[in-house]
Every structure is written in C-alpha cells, then in structure tokens.
PDB file of N, CA and C in Angstrom:
ATOM      1  N   UNK A   1     115.881 107.705  68.498  1.00  0.00           N
ATOM      2  CA  UNK A   1     116.424 106.954  69.456  1.00  0.00           C
ATOM      3  C   UNK A   1     115.205 106.914  70.388  1.00  0.00           C
ATOM      4  N   UNK A   2     114.311 108.021  70.585  1.00  0.00           N
ATOM      5  CA  UNK A   2     113.311 107.918  71.642  1.00  0.00           C
ATOM      6  C   UNK A   2     112.222 107.058  70.945  1.00  0.00           C
ATOM      7  N   UNK A   3     112.041 107.039  69.714  1.00  0.00           N
ATOM      8  CA  UNK A   3     110.729 106.394  69.152  1.00  0.00           C
ATOM      9  C   UNK A   3     111.124 104.824  69.133  1.00  0.00           C
ATOM     10  N   UNK A   4     112.273 104.502  69.164  1.00  0.00           N
ATOM     11  CA  UNK A   4     112.546 103.082  69.166  1.00  0.00           C
ATOM     12  C   UNK A   4     112.502 102.388  70.415  1.00  0.00           C
ATOM     13  N   UNK A   5     112.650 103.470  71.536  1.00  0.00           N
ATOM     14  CA  UNK A   5     112.371 102.883  73.173  1.00  0.00           C
ATOM     15  C   UNK A   5     110.874 102.765  73.054  1.00  0.00           C
ATOM     16  N   UNK A   6     110.124 103.824  72.516  1.00  0.00           N
ATOM     17  CA  UNK A   6     108.588 103.498  72.812  1.00  0.00           C
ATOM     18  C   UNK A   6     108.118 102.427  71.757  1.00  0.00           C
ATOM     19  N   UNK A   7     108.796 102.102  70.729  1.00  0.00           N
ATOM     20  CA  UNK A   7     108.332 100.902  69.873  1.00  0.00           C
ATOM     21  C   UNK A   7     108.290  99.674  70.806  1.00  0.00           C
ATOM     22  N   UNK A   8     109.527  99.583  71.344  1.00  0.00           N
ATOM     23  CA  UNK A   8     109.993  98.430  72.078  1.00  0.00           C
ATOM     24  C   UNK A   8     108.993  98.335  73.335  1.00  0.00           C
ATOM     25  N   UNK A   9     108.767  99.213  73.912  1.00  0.00           N
ATOM     26  CA  UNK A   9     107.803  99.309  75.176  1.00  0.00           C
ATOM     27  C   UNK A   9     106.489  98.974  74.727  1.00  0.00           C
ATOM     28  N   UNK A  10     105.862  99.313  73.535  1.00  0.00           N
ATOM     29  CA  UNK A  10     104.666  98.730  73.036  1.00  0.00           C
ATOM     30  C   UNK A  10     104.739  97.317  72.729  1.00  0.00           C
ATOM     31  N   UNK A  11     105.750  96.997  72.165  1.00  0.00           N
ATOM     32  CA  UNK A  11     105.597  95.582  71.800  1.00  0.00           C
ATOM     33  C   UNK A  11     105.634  94.608  72.882  1.00  0.00           C
ATOM     34  N   UNK A  12     106.505  94.950  74.086  1.00  0.00           N
ATOM     35  CA  UNK A  12     106.534  94.373  75.456  1.00  0.00           C
ATOM     36  C   UNK A  12     105.127  94.290  75.867  1.00  0.00           C
ATOM     37  N   UNK A  13     104.562  95.357  75.942  1.00  0.00           N
ATOM     38  CA  UNK A  13     103.091  95.710  76.557  1.00  0.00           C
ATOM     39  C   UNK A  13     102.327  94.622  75.869  1.00  0.00           C
ATOM     40  N   UNK A  14     102.207  94.721  74.542  1.00  0.00           N
ATOM     41  CA  UNK A  14     101.262  93.982  73.681  1.00  0.00           C
ATOM     42  C   UNK A  14     101.530  92.289  74.058  1.00  0.00           C
ATOM     43  N   UNK A  15     102.698  91.900  74.013  1.00  0.00           N
ATOM     44  CA  UNK A  15     103.236  90.570  74.354  1.00  0.00           C
ATOM     45  C   UNK A  15     102.589  89.926  75.694  1.00  0.00           C
ATOM     46  N   UNK A  16     102.458  91.154  76.654  1.00  0.00           N
ATOM     47  CA  UNK A  16     102.325  90.682  78.117  1.00  0.00           C
ATOM     48  C   UNK A  16     100.653  90.765  78.392  1.00  0.00           C
ATOM     49  N   UNK A  17      99.777  91.375  77.431  1.00  0.00           N
ATOM     50  CA  UNK A  17      98.455  91.234  77.648  1.00  0.00           C
ATOM     51  C   UNK A  17      97.757  90.249  76.602  1.00  0.00           C
ATOM     52  N   UNK A  18      98.383  89.292  76.473  1.00  0.00           N
ATOM     53  CA  UNK A  18      97.891  88.294  75.662  1.00  0.00           C
ATOM     54  C   UNK A  18      96.685  87.416  76.230  1.00  0.00           C
ATOM     55  N   UNK A  19      95.496  86.791  75.654  1.00  0.00           N
ATOM     56  CA  UNK A  19      94.327  86.358  76.336  1.00  0.00           C
ATOM     57  C   UNK A  19      94.975  84.935  77.208  1.00  0.00           C
ATOM     58  N   UNK A  20      94.561  84.728  78.036  1.00  0.00           N
ATOM     59  CA  UNK A  20      95.036  83.572  78.943  1.00  0.00           C
ATOM     60  C   UNK A  20      94.439  82.260  77.996  1.00  0.00           C
ATOM     61  N   UNK A  21      95.492  81.449  78.085  1.00  0.00           N
ATOM     62  CA  UNK A  21      94.799  80.106  77.427  1.00  0.00           C
ATOM     63  C   UNK A  21      94.235  79.292  78.589  1.00  0.00           C
ATOM     64  N   UNK A  22      93.505  77.892  77.866  1.00  0.00           N
ATOM     65  CA  UNK A  22      92.938  77.341  78.806  1.00  0.00           C
ATOM     66  C   UNK A  22      93.781  76.567  79.681  1.00  0.00           C
ATOM     67  N   UNK A  23      95.182  76.067  79.139  1.00  0.00           N
ATOM     68  CA  UNK A  23      96.150  75.677  80.039  1.00  0.00           C
ATOM     69  C   UNK A  23      96.482  76.496  81.313  1.00  0.00           C
ATOM     70  N   UNK A  24      96.897  77.794  80.682  1.00  0.00           N
ATOM     71  CA  UNK A  24      97.370  78.723  81.693  1.00  0.00           C
ATOM     72  C   UNK A  24      96.017  78.960  82.788  1.00  0.00           C
ATOM     73  N   UNK A  25      94.870  79.055  82.390  1.00  0.00           N
ATOM     74  CA  UNK A  25      94.063  79.366  83.610  1.00  0.00           C
ATOM     75  C   UNK A  25      93.861  77.965  84.440  1.00  0.00           C
ATOM     76  N   UNK A  26      94.137  76.707  83.897  1.00  0.00           N
ATOM     77  CA  UNK A  26      93.945  75.575  84.662  1.00  0.00           C
ATOM     78  C   UNK A  26      95.244  75.731  85.315  1.00  0.00           C
ATOM     79  N   UNK A  27      96.172  75.921  85.219  1.00  0.00           N
ATOM     80  CA  UNK A  27      97.524  76.135  86.334  1.00  0.00           C
ATOM     81  C   UNK A  27      97.129  76.961  87.097  1.00  0.00           C
ATOM     82  N   UNK A  28      96.607  78.236  86.879  1.00  0.00           N
ATOM     83  CA  UNK A  28      96.281  79.160  88.053  1.00  0.00           C
ATOM     84  C   UNK A  28      95.362  78.854  88.948  1.00  0.00           C
ATOM     85  N   UNK A  29      94.341  77.994  88.460  1.00  0.00           N
ATOM     86  CA  UNK A  29      93.281  77.406  89.319  1.00  0.00           C
ATOM     87  C   UNK A  29      93.805  76.441  90.396  1.00  0.00           C
ATOM     88  N   UNK A  30      94.875  75.390  89.842  1.00  0.00           N
ATOM     89  CA  UNK A  30      95.375  74.678  90.392  1.00  0.00           C
ATOM     90  C   UNK A  30      96.275  75.150  91.440  1.00  0.00           C
ATOM     91  N   UNK A  31      96.955  75.997  91.050  1.00  0.00           N
ATOM     92  CA  UNK A  31      97.776  76.644  92.227  1.00  0.00           C
ATOM     93  C   UNK A  31      96.954  77.676  93.322  1.00  0.00           C
ATOM     94  N   UNK A  32      95.754  77.962  92.633  1.00  0.00           N
ATOM     95  CA  UNK A  32      95.019  78.689  93.989  1.00  0.00           C
ATOM     96  C   UNK A  32      94.569  77.615  94.718  1.00  0.00           C
ATOM     97  N   UNK A  33      94.239  76.373  94.384  1.00  0.00           N
ATOM     98  CA  UNK A  33      93.670  75.539  94.990  1.00  0.00           C
ATOM     99  C   UNK A  33      94.586  74.879  96.056  1.00  0.00           C
ATOM    100  N   UNK A  34      95.756  74.939  95.582  1.00  0.00           N
ATOM    101  CA  UNK A  34      96.858  74.376  96.543  1.00  0.00           C
ATOM    102  C   UNK A  34      97.138  75.283  97.582  1.00  0.00           C
ATOM    103  N   UNK A  35      97.331  76.581  97.067  1.00  0.00           N
ATOM    104  CA  UNK A  35      97.594  77.747  98.159  1.00  0.00           C
ATOM    105  C   UNK A  35      96.163  77.484  99.296  1.00  0.00           C
ATOM    106  N   UNK A  36      95.130  77.540  98.656  1.00  0.00           N
ATOM    107  CA  UNK A  36      94.092  77.677  99.623  1.00  0.00           C
ATOM    108  C   UNK A  36      94.145  76.268 100.511  1.00  0.00           C
ATOM    109  N   UNK A  37      94.336  75.114 100.078  1.00  0.00           N
ATOM    110  CA  UNK A  37      94.536  73.918 100.978  1.00  0.00           C
ATOM    111  C   UNK A  37      95.659  73.898 102.163  1.00  0.00           C
ATOM    112  N   UNK A  38      96.723  74.579 101.745  1.00  0.00           N
ATOM    113  CA  UNK A  38      97.471  74.741 102.782  1.00  0.00           C
ATOM    114  C   UNK A  38      97.287  75.835 103.611  1.00  0.00           C
ATOM    115  N   UNK A  39      96.616  76.676 103.259  1.00  0.00           N
ATOM    116  CA  UNK A  39      96.016  77.973 104.206  1.00  0.00           C
ATOM    117  C   UNK A  39      95.115  77.176 105.070  1.00  0.00           C
ATOM    118  N   UNK A  40      94.202  76.196 104.854  1.00  0.00           N
ATOM    119  CA  UNK A  40      93.088  75.908 105.742  1.00  0.00           C
ATOM    120  C   UNK A  40      93.859  74.715 106.508  1.00  0.00           C
ATOM    121  N   UNK A  41      94.774  74.177 106.082  1.00  0.00           N
ATOM    122  CA  UNK A  41      95.377  73.037 107.003  1.00  0.00           C
ATOM    123  C   UNK A  41      96.260  73.758 108.077  1.00  0.00           C
ATOM    124  N   UNK A  42      96.964  74.845 107.663  1.00  0.00           N
ATOM    125  CA  UNK A  42      98.061  75.337 108.543  1.00  0.00           C
ATOM    126  C   UNK A  42      97.497  76.344 109.391  1.00  0.00           C
ATOM    127  N   UNK A  43      96.254  76.641 109.064  1.00  0.00           N
ATOM    128  CA  UNK A  43      95.692  77.865 110.373  1.00  0.00           C
ATOM    129  C   UNK A  43      95.321  77.264 111.555  1.00  0.00           C
ATOM    130  N   UNK A  44      95.191  75.948 111.589  1.00  0.00           N
ATOM    131  CA  UNK A  44      95.038  75.243 112.706  1.00  0.00           C
ATOM    132  C   UNK A  44      96.144  75.481 113.898  1.00  0.00           C
ATOM    133  N   UNK A  45      97.153  75.477 113.644  1.00  0.00           N
ATOM    134  CA  UNK A  45      98.190  75.929 114.805  1.00  0.00           C
ATOM    135  C   UNK A  45      98.132  77.212 115.140  1.00  0.00           C
ATOM    136  N   UNK A  46      97.669  78.068 114.517  1.00  0.00           N
ATOM    137  CA  UNK A  46      97.369  79.768 115.003  1.00  0.00           C
ATOM    138  C   UNK A  46      96.097  79.669 115.785  1.00  0.00           C
ATOM    139  N   UNK A  47      95.042  78.927 115.328  1.00  0.00           N
ATOM    140  CA  UNK A  47      93.936  79.018 115.920  1.00  0.00           C
ATOM    141  C   UNK A  47      93.924  78.148 117.299  1.00  0.00           C
ATOM    142  N   UNK A  48      94.901  77.372 117.668  1.00  0.00           N
ATOM    143  CA  UNK A  48      95.300  76.697 118.599  1.00  0.00           C
ATOM    144  C   UNK A  48      95.717  77.523 119.867  1.00  0.00           C
ATOM    145  N   UNK A  49      96.436  78.441 119.296  1.00  0.00           N
ATOM    146  CA  UNK A  49      96.967  79.562 120.242  1.00  0.00           C
ATOM    147  C   UNK A  49      96.068  80.345 120.896  1.00  0.00           C
ATOM    148  N   UNK A  50      95.053  80.767 119.856  1.00  0.00           N
ATOM    149  CA  UNK A  50      93.954  81.651 120.395  1.00  0.00           C
ATOM    150  C   UNK A  50      93.004  80.846 121.102  1.00  0.00           C
ATOM    151  N   UNK A  51      92.531  79.663 120.894  1.00  0.00           N
ATOM    152  CA  UNK A  51      91.655  78.815 121.579  1.00  0.00           C
ATOM    153  C   UNK A  51      92.257  78.538 123.063  1.00  0.00           C
ATOM    154  N   UNK A  52      93.295  78.460 123.245  1.00  0.00           N
ATOM    155  CA  UNK A  52      93.881  78.117 124.480  1.00  0.00           C
ATOM    156  C   UNK A  52      94.042  79.408 125.511  1.00  0.00           C
ATOM    157  N   UNK A  53      94.385  80.459 124.775  1.00  0.00           N
ATOM    158  CA  UNK A  53      94.434  81.536 125.711  1.00  0.00           C
ATOM    159  C   UNK A  53      92.904  82.258 125.887  1.00  0.00           C
ATOM    160  N   UNK A  54      92.114  82.095 124.832  1.00  0.00           N
ATOM    161  CA  UNK A  54      90.704  82.954 125.175  1.00  0.00           C
ATOM    162  C   UNK A  54      89.879  81.727 126.223  1.00  0.00           C
ATOM    163  N   UNK A  55      89.578  80.759 125.918  1.00  0.00           N
ATOM    164  CA  UNK A  55      89.185  79.831 126.721  1.00  0.00           C
ATOM    165  C   UNK A  55      89.818  78.638 127.489  1.00  0.00           C
ATOM    166  N   UNK A  56      90.516  78.923 128.438  1.00  0.00           N
ATOM    167  CA  UNK A  56      91.461  77.988 129.188  1.00  0.00           C
ATOM    168  C   UNK A  56      90.837  76.966 129.789  1.00  0.00           C
ATOM    169  N   UNK A  57      89.542  77.487 130.008  1.00  0.00           N
ATOM    170  CA  UNK A  57      88.763  76.428 131.154  1.00  0.00           C
ATOM    171  C   UNK A  57      88.102  75.159 130.141  1.00  0.00           C
ATOM    172  N   UNK A  58      87.752  75.625 128.706  1.00  0.00           N
ATOM    173  CA  UNK A  58      87.098  74.739 127.991  1.00  0.00           C
ATOM    174  C   UNK A  58      88.397  73.629 127.423  1.00  0.00           C
ATOM    175  N   UNK A  59      89.596  74.445 126.827  1.00  0.00           N
ATOM    176  CA  UNK A  59      90.464  73.765 126.095  1.00  0.00           C
ATOM    177  C   UNK A  59      91.631  73.396 127.001  1.00  0.00           C
ATOM    178  N   UNK A  60      91.967  73.995 128.231  1.00  0.00           N
ATOM    179  CA  UNK A  60      92.981  73.705 129.154  1.00  0.00           C
ATOM    180  C   UNK A  60      94.079  74.733 128.556  1.00  0.00           C
ATOM    181  N   UNK A  61      95.164  74.850 129.244  1.00  0.00           N
ATOM    182  CA  UNK A  61      96.360  75.705 128.881  1.00  0.00           C
ATOM    183  C   UNK A  61      97.395  75.161 128.248  1.00  0.00           C
ATOM    184  N   UNK A  62      97.327  73.687 128.111  1.00  0.00           N
ATOM    185  CA  UNK A  62      98.297  72.890 127.150  1.00  0.00           C
ATOM    186  C   UNK A  62      97.934  72.993 125.778  1.00  0.00           C
ATOM    187  N   UNK A  63      98.987  72.995 124.875  1.00  0.00           N
ATOM    188  CA  UNK A  63      98.785  72.788 123.458  1.00  0.00           C
ATOM    189  C   UNK A  63      98.756  71.407 123.112  1.00  0.00           C
ATOM    190  N   UNK A  64      99.377  70.512 123.689  1.00  0.00           N
ATOM    191  CA  UNK A  64      98.996  69.082 123.400  1.00  0.00           C
ATOM    192  C   UNK A  64      97.844  68.562 122.928  1.00  0.00           C
ATOM    193  N   UNK A  65      96.774  68.702 124.192  1.00  0.00           N
ATOM    194  CA  UNK A  65      95.604  68.175 123.642  1.00  0.00           C
ATOM    195  C   UNK A  65      95.022  68.412 122.523  1.00  0.00           C
ATOM    196  N   UNK A  66      94.822  69.915 122.505  1.00  0.00           N
ATOM    197  CA  UNK A  66      94.291  70.488 121.073  1.00  0.00           C
ATOM    198  C   UNK A  66      94.884  70.099 119.956  1.00  0.00           C
ATOM    199  N   UNK A  67      96.314  69.973 119.857  1.00  0.00           N
ATOM    200  CA  UNK A  67      96.837  69.754 118.747  1.00  0.00           C
ATOM    201  C   UNK A  67      96.612  68.344 118.329  1.00  0.00           C
ATOM    202  N   UNK A  68      96.206  67.612 119.369  1.00  0.00           N
ATOM    203  CA  UNK A  68      96.187  66.109 118.876  1.00  0.00           C
ATOM    204  C   UNK A  68      94.796  65.816 118.361  1.00  0.00           C
ATOM    205  N   UNK A  69      93.904  66.829 118.394  1.00  0.00           N
ATOM    206  CA  UNK A  69      92.671  67.158 117.502  1.00  0.00           C
ATOM    207  C   UNK A  69      93.127  67.163 116.099  1.00  0.00           C
ATOM    208  N   UNK A  70      94.188  67.990 115.912  1.00  0.00           N
ATOM    209  CA  UNK A  70      94.610  68.518 114.496  1.00  0.00           C
ATOM    210  C   UNK A  70      95.279  67.256 113.808  1.00  0.00           C
ATOM    211  N   UNK A  71      95.661  66.384 114.758  1.00  0.00           N
ATOM    212  CA  UNK A  71      96.256  65.070 113.991  1.00  0.00           C
ATOM    213  C   UNK A  71      95.455  64.211 113.432  1.00  0.00           C
ATOM    214  N   UNK A  72      94.121  64.152 113.921  1.00  0.00           N
ATOM    215  CA  UNK A  72      92.886  63.473 113.248  1.00  0.00           C
ATOM    216  C   UNK A  72      92.585  64.203 111.979  1.00  0.00           C
ATOM    217  N   UNK A  73      92.570  65.732 112.127  1.00  0.00           N
ATOM    218  CA  UNK A  73      92.255  66.307 111.040  1.00  0.00           C
ATOM    219  C   UNK A  73      93.246  65.923 109.758  1.00  0.00           C
ATOM    220  N   UNK A  74      94.631  65.877 110.243  1.00  0.00           N
ATOM    221  CA  UNK A  74      95.582  65.517 109.129  1.00  0.00           C
ATOM    222  C   UNK A  74      95.576  63.872 108.539  1.00  0.00           C
ATOM    223  N   UNK A  75      95.082  63.182 109.441  1.00  0.00           N
ATOM    224  CA  UNK A  75      94.731  61.898 109.108  1.00  0.00           C
ATOM    225  C   UNK A  75      93.773  61.696 108.156  1.00  0.00           C
ATOM    226  N   UNK A  76      92.604  62.339 108.518  1.00  0.00           N
ATOM    227  CA  UNK A  76      91.347  62.201 107.513  1.00  0.00           C
ATOM    228  C   UNK A  76      91.757  62.970 106.137  1.00  0.00           C
ATOM    229  N   UNK A  77      92.543  63.997 106.165  1.00  0.00           N
ATOM    230  CA  UNK A  77      93.081  64.752 104.974  1.00  0.00           C
ATOM    231  C   UNK A  77      93.500  63.614 104.210  1.00  0.00           C
ATOM    232  N   UNK A  78      94.724  63.021 104.705  1.00  0.00           N
ATOM    233  CA  UNK A  78      95.549  62.016 103.967  1.00  0.00           C
ATOM    234  C   UNK A  78      94.628  60.996 103.443  1.00  0.00           C
ATOM    235  N   UNK A  79      93.980  60.357 104.223  1.00  0.00           N
ATOM    236  CA  UNK A  79      93.124  59.240 103.577  1.00  0.00           C
ATOM    237  C   UNK A  79      91.993  59.725 102.790  1.00  0.00           C
ATOM    238  N   UNK A  80      91.565  61.202 102.776  1.00  0.00           N
ATOM    239  CA  UNK A  80      90.780  61.337 101.516  1.00  0.00           C
ATOM    240  C   UNK A  80      91.450  61.554 100.455  1.00  0.00           C
ATOM    241  N   UNK A  81      92.668  62.071 100.352  1.00  0.00           N
ATOM    242  CA  UNK A  81      93.493  62.315  99.189  1.00  0.00           C
ATOM    243  C   UNK A  81      93.621  61.018  98.403  1.00  0.00           C
ATOM    244  N   UNK A  82      93.808  59.768  98.972  1.00  0.00           N
ATOM    245  CA  UNK A  82      93.984  58.530  98.270  1.00  0.00           C
ATOM    246  C   UNK A  82      92.917  58.280  97.142  1.00  0.00           C
ATOM    247  N   UNK A  83      91.847  58.382  97.270  1.00  0.00           N
ATOM    248  CA  UNK A  83      90.923  58.006  96.370  1.00  0.00           C
ATOM    249  C   UNK A  83      91.051  59.192  94.998  1.00  0.00           C
ATOM    250  N   UNK A  84      91.383  60.179  95.120  1.00  0.00           N
ATOM    251  CA  UNK A  84      91.189  61.593  94.300  1.00  0.00           C
ATOM    252  C   UNK A  84      91.970  60.911  93.030  1.00  0.00           C
ATOM    253  N   UNK A  85      92.749  60.199  92.920  1.00  0.00           N
ATOM    254  CA  UNK A  85      93.432  60.042  91.551  1.00  0.00           C
ATOM    255  C   UNK A  85      92.027  59.151  90.711  1.00  0.00           C
ATOM    256  N   UNK A  86      91.480  58.110  91.473  1.00  0.00           N
ATOM    257  CA  UNK A  86      90.456  57.236  90.759  1.00  0.00           C
ATOM    258  C   UNK A  86      89.289  58.231  90.618  1.00  0.00           C
ATOM    259  N   UNK A  87      88.934  59.224  91.505  1.00  0.00           N
ATOM    260  CA  UNK A  87      87.845  60.017  91.130  1.00  0.00           C
ATOM    261  C   UNK A  87      88.041  60.894  90.066  1.00  0.00           C
ATOM    262  N   UNK A  88      89.180  61.290  89.747  1.00  0.00           N
ATOM    263  CA  UNK A  88      89.789  62.282  88.474  1.00  0.00           C
ATOM    264  C   UNK A  88      89.639  61.332  87.286  1.00  0.00           C
ATOM    265  N   UNK A  89      89.954  60.220  87.347  1.00  0.00           N
ATOM    266  CA  UNK A  89      89.895  59.515  86.192  1.00  0.00           C
ATOM    267  C   UNK A  89      88.312  59.174  85.915  1.00  0.00           C
ATOM    268  N   UNK A  90      87.484  59.365  86.797  1.00  0.00           N
ATOM    269  CA  UNK A  90      86.155  58.635  86.882  1.00  0.00           C
ATOM    270  C   UNK A  90      85.334  60.011  86.409  1.00  0.00           C
ATOM    271  N   UNK A  91      85.355  61.170  87.067  1.00  0.00           N
ATOM    272  CA  UNK A  91      84.449  62.304  86.731  1.00  0.00           C
ATOM    273  C   UNK A  91      85.305  63.389  86.041  1.00  0.00           C
ATOM    274  N   UNK A  92      86.648  63.380  86.214  1.00  0.00           N
ATOM    275  CA  UNK A  92      87.350  64.478  85.445  1.00  0.00           C
ATOM    276  C   UNK A  92      88.030  65.149  86.609  1.00  0.00           C
ATOM    277  N   UNK A  93      89.151  65.969  85.873  1.00  0.00           N
ATOM    278  CA  UNK A  93      89.739  67.001  86.528  1.00  0.00           C
ATOM    279  C   UNK A  93      88.807  68.223  86.952  1.00  0.00           C
ATOM    280  N   UNK A  94      88.239  68.468  85.963  1.00  0.00           N
ATOM    281  CA  UNK A  94      87.449  69.747  86.218  1.00  0.00           C
ATOM    282  C   UNK A  94      86.402  69.696  87.189  1.00  0.00           C
ATOM    283  N   UNK A  95      85.675  68.713  87.088  1.00  0.00           N
ATOM    284  CA  UNK A  95      84.663  68.344  88.166  1.00  0.00           C
ATOM    285  C   UNK A  95      84.899  68.314  89.511  1.00  0.00           C
ATOM    286  N   UNK A  96      86.459  67.933  89.755  1.00  0.00           N
ATOM    287  CA  UNK A  96      87.019  67.558  91.020  1.00  0.00           C
ATOM    288  C   UNK A  96      87.674  69.350  91.485  1.00  0.00           C
ATOM    289  N   UNK A  97      87.786  69.955  90.520  1.00  0.00           N
ATOM    290  CA  UNK A  97      88.490  71.462  90.848  1.00  0.00           C
ATOM    291  C   UNK A  97      87.051  72.154  91.032  1.00  0.00           C
ATOM    292  N   UNK A  98      86.066  72.032  90.314  1.00  0.00           N
ATOM    293  CA  UNK A  98      84.838  72.654  90.737  1.00  0.00           C
ATOM    294  C   UNK A  98      84.178  72.133  92.386  1.00  0.00           C
ATOM    295  N   UNK A  99      84.181  70.978  92.418  1.00  0.00           N
ATOM    296  CA  UNK A  99      83.795  70.570  93.843  1.00  0.00           C
ATOM    297  C   UNK A  99      84.731  71.114  94.929  1.00  0.00           C
ATOM    298  N   UNK A 100      86.057  71.290  94.542  1.00  0.00           N
ATOM    299  CA  UNK A 100      87.100  71.934  95.671  1.00  0.00           C
ATOM    300  C   UNK A 100      86.567  73.336  95.896  1.00  0.00           C
ATOM    301  N   UNK A 101      86.648  74.042  94.887  1.00  0.00           N
ATOM    302  CA  UNK A 101      86.063  75.344  94.911  1.00  0.00           C
ATOM    303  C   UNK A 101      84.594  75.784  95.341  1.00  0.00           C
ATOM    304  N   UNK A 102      83.492  74.753  95.135  1.00  0.00           N
ATOM    305  CA  UNK A 102      82.371  75.254  95.570  1.00  0.00           C
ATOM    306  C   UNK A 102      82.376  74.609  97.268  1.00  0.00           C
ATOM    307  N   UNK A 103      82.621  73.540  97.457  1.00  0.00           N
ATOM    308  CA  UNK A 103      82.752  72.834  98.649  1.00  0.00           C
ATOM    309  C   UNK A 103      83.832  73.697  99.663  1.00  0.00           C
ATOM    310  N   UNK A 104      84.669  74.077  99.197  1.00  0.00           N
ATOM    311  CA  UNK A 104      85.834  74.884 100.068  1.00  0.00           C
ATOM    312  C   UNK A 104      85.253  76.182 100.255  1.00  0.00           C
ATOM    313  N   UNK A 105      84.492  76.985  99.423  1.00  0.00           N
ATOM    314  CA  UNK A 105      83.797  78.310  99.582  1.00  0.00           C
ATOM    315  C   UNK A 105      82.845  77.947 100.769  1.00  0.00           C
ATOM    316  N   UNK A 106      81.834  77.151 100.412  1.00  0.00           N
ATOM    317  CA  UNK A 106      80.857  76.916 101.376  1.00  0.00           C
ATOM    318  C   UNK A 106      81.413  76.799 102.910  1.00  0.00           C
ATOM    319  N   UNK A 107      82.489  75.795 102.839  1.00  0.00           N
ATOM    320  CA  UNK A 107      83.085  75.448 104.210  1.00  0.00           C
ATOM    321  C   UNK A 107      83.601  76.818 105.001  1.00  0.00           C
ATOM    322  N   UNK A 108      84.321  77.770 104.156  1.00  0.00           N
ATOM    323  CA  UNK A 108      85.020  78.925 104.611  1.00  0.00           C
ATOM    324  C   UNK A 108      83.950  79.749 104.875  1.00  0.00           C
ATOM    325  N   UNK A 109      82.684  79.865 104.145  1.00  0.00           N
ATOM    326  CA  UNK A 109      81.983  80.976 104.628  1.00  0.00           C
ATOM    327  C   UNK A 109      81.258  80.516 105.702  1.00  0.00           C
ATOM    328  N   UNK A 110      80.649  79.000 106.103  1.00  0.00           N
ATOM    329  CA  UNK A 110      80.227  78.634 107.200  1.00  0.00           C
ATOM    330  C   UNK A 110      81.267  78.842 108.569  1.00  0.00           C
ATOM    331  N   UNK A 111      82.556  78.677 108.238  1.00  0.00           N
ATOM    332  CA  UNK A 111      83.191  79.142 109.291  1.00  0.00           C
ATOM    333  C   UNK A 111      83.577  80.631 109.736  1.00  0.00           C
ATOM    334  N   UNK A 112      83.093  81.493 108.693  1.00  0.00           N
ATOM    335  CA  UNK A 112      83.003  82.816 109.047  1.00  0.00           C
ATOM    336  C   UNK A 112      84.203  83.699 108.232  1.00  0.00           C
ATOM    337  N   UNK A 113      84.723  82.867 107.477  1.00  0.00           N
ATOM    338  CA  UNK A 113      85.946  83.722 106.790  1.00  0.00           C
ATOM    339  C   UNK A 113      85.486  84.184 105.354  1.00  0.00           C
ATOM    340  N   UNK A 114      85.709  85.292 104.752  1.00  0.00           N
ATOM    341  CA  UNK A 114      85.985  86.464 105.479  1.00  0.00           C
ATOM    342  C   UNK A 114      84.903  87.026 106.296  1.00  0.00           C
ATOM    343  N   UNK A 115      84.832  87.262 107.597  1.00  0.00           N
ATOM    344  CA  UNK A 115      83.851  88.064 108.546  1.00  0.00           C
ATOM    345  C   UNK A 115      83.694  89.419 108.226  1.00  0.00           C
ATOM    346  N   UNK A 116      84.447  90.167 107.646  1.00  0.00           N
ATOM    347  CA  UNK A 116      84.739  91.443 107.652  1.00  0.00           C
ATOM    348  C   UNK A 116      83.870  92.157 106.505  1.00  0.00           C
ATOM    349  N   UNK A 117      83.642  93.293 106.217  1.00  0.00           N
ATOM    350  CA  UNK A 117      83.113  93.969 105.370  1.00  0.00           C
ATOM    351  C   UNK A 117      83.641  93.783 104.111  1.00  0.00           C
ATOM    352  N   UNK A 118      83.285  93.700 102.831  1.00  0.00           N
ATOM    353  CA  UNK A 118      84.169  94.078 101.638  1.00  0.00           C
ATOM    354  C   UNK A 118      84.266  95.492 101.514  1.00  0.00           C
ATOM    355  N   UNK A 119      85.196  95.564 100.156  1.00  0.00           N
ATOM    356  CA  UNK A 119      85.392  97.220 100.296  1.00  0.00           C
ATOM    357  C   UNK A 119      84.182  97.881  99.669  1.00  0.00           C
ATOM    358  N   UNK A 120      83.384  97.331  99.270  1.00  0.00           N
ATOM    359  CA  UNK A 120      81.625  97.889  98.707  1.00  0.00           C
ATOM    360  C   UNK A 120      80.740  97.929  99.936  1.00  0.00           C
ATOM    361  N   UNK A 121      81.408  97.751 101.223  1.00  0.00           N
ATOM    362  CA  UNK A 121      80.648  98.056 102.345  1.00  0.00           C
ATOM    363  C   UNK A 121      79.512  96.646 102.603  1.00  0.00           C
ATOM    364  N   UNK A 122      79.494  95.719 101.675  1.00  0.00           N
ATOM    365  CA  UNK A 122      78.351  94.803 101.976  1.00  0.00           C
ATOM    366  C   UNK A 122      79.065  93.586 103.064  1.00  0.00           C
ATOM    367  N   UNK A 123      77.974  93.045 103.897  1.00  0.00           N
ATOM    368  CA  UNK A 123      78.417  92.078 104.604  1.00  0.00           C
ATOM    369  C   UNK A 123      78.540  90.829 103.753  1.00  0.00           C
ATOM    370  N   UNK A 124      79.764  89.899 104.297  1.00  0.00           N
ATOM    371  CA  UNK A 124      79.810  88.645 103.688  1.00  0.00           C
ATOM    372  C   UNK A 124      78.950  87.333 104.229  1.00  0.00           C
ATOM    373  N   UNK A 125      78.467  87.689 105.647  1.00  0.00           N
ATOM    374  CA  UNK A 125      77.661  86.721 106.260  1.00  0.00           C
ATOM    375  C   UNK A 125      75.897  87.408 106.079  1.00  0.00           C
TER     376      UNK A 125
END
C-alpha cells in the first residue's frame, strides 16, 4: 500500500514539473503586465493621501484638486490604449510586451521603485 502511494506522488510531481510552453509563458507575461498596469494606475490614490499630509502647503489639504490631476492621467491612459490594437497588428504582440516591460521598468526605476536594498545587499539606484 505504501509503495502505491509513493508511486502516485512521483507521478503527480513529474506532471507538475513539465517545461513551460510558449503559450503558457505568454499568458504569464500578459498576466504580469496586467497586474503591474493596475498597480501603477491605482497607486495614485495612496500617493495622494501621503502628498496632502506631507506637503499641505504645496498640495493643499483637500484631496479633490490632487485627484483631478489623476483624472488627466486616466484620460491619457485611455487615449493611449486606443491605438494598441493597430500597433499590435503592425509590430506584433511580442514587441509591444517587450516595450511595456522595458519602458515600465525604466519608468518604475526613475520613480524610485524599488528604493530598498535587494536581499543581496545591492542598491537598486
């Protein structure tokens, strides 16, 4: 009975360690890009809270005017999303995904994310 259980466990483990196919890898990258996009867009509401508390002389104490700036950001994001289908047809999905991760990485690094040390002790900036 014990050997049957060990054999079943080995078969399950072997089945779960299969190499990733190109389609699965693409789905993983698309999901990662989607999550990072939402993180980048939705971090504004948290940043507004910190901005109005840390610098009330610059930003004021009301959240409305600072969030109005965010409205412009969402409009630009929406307008920028319109030609993406045409660009994907012209340059390919891989090129757009590469542009997203390279451009997003540059943008996040210039904004100081992540500003902490890595586990190896190296500074990111």
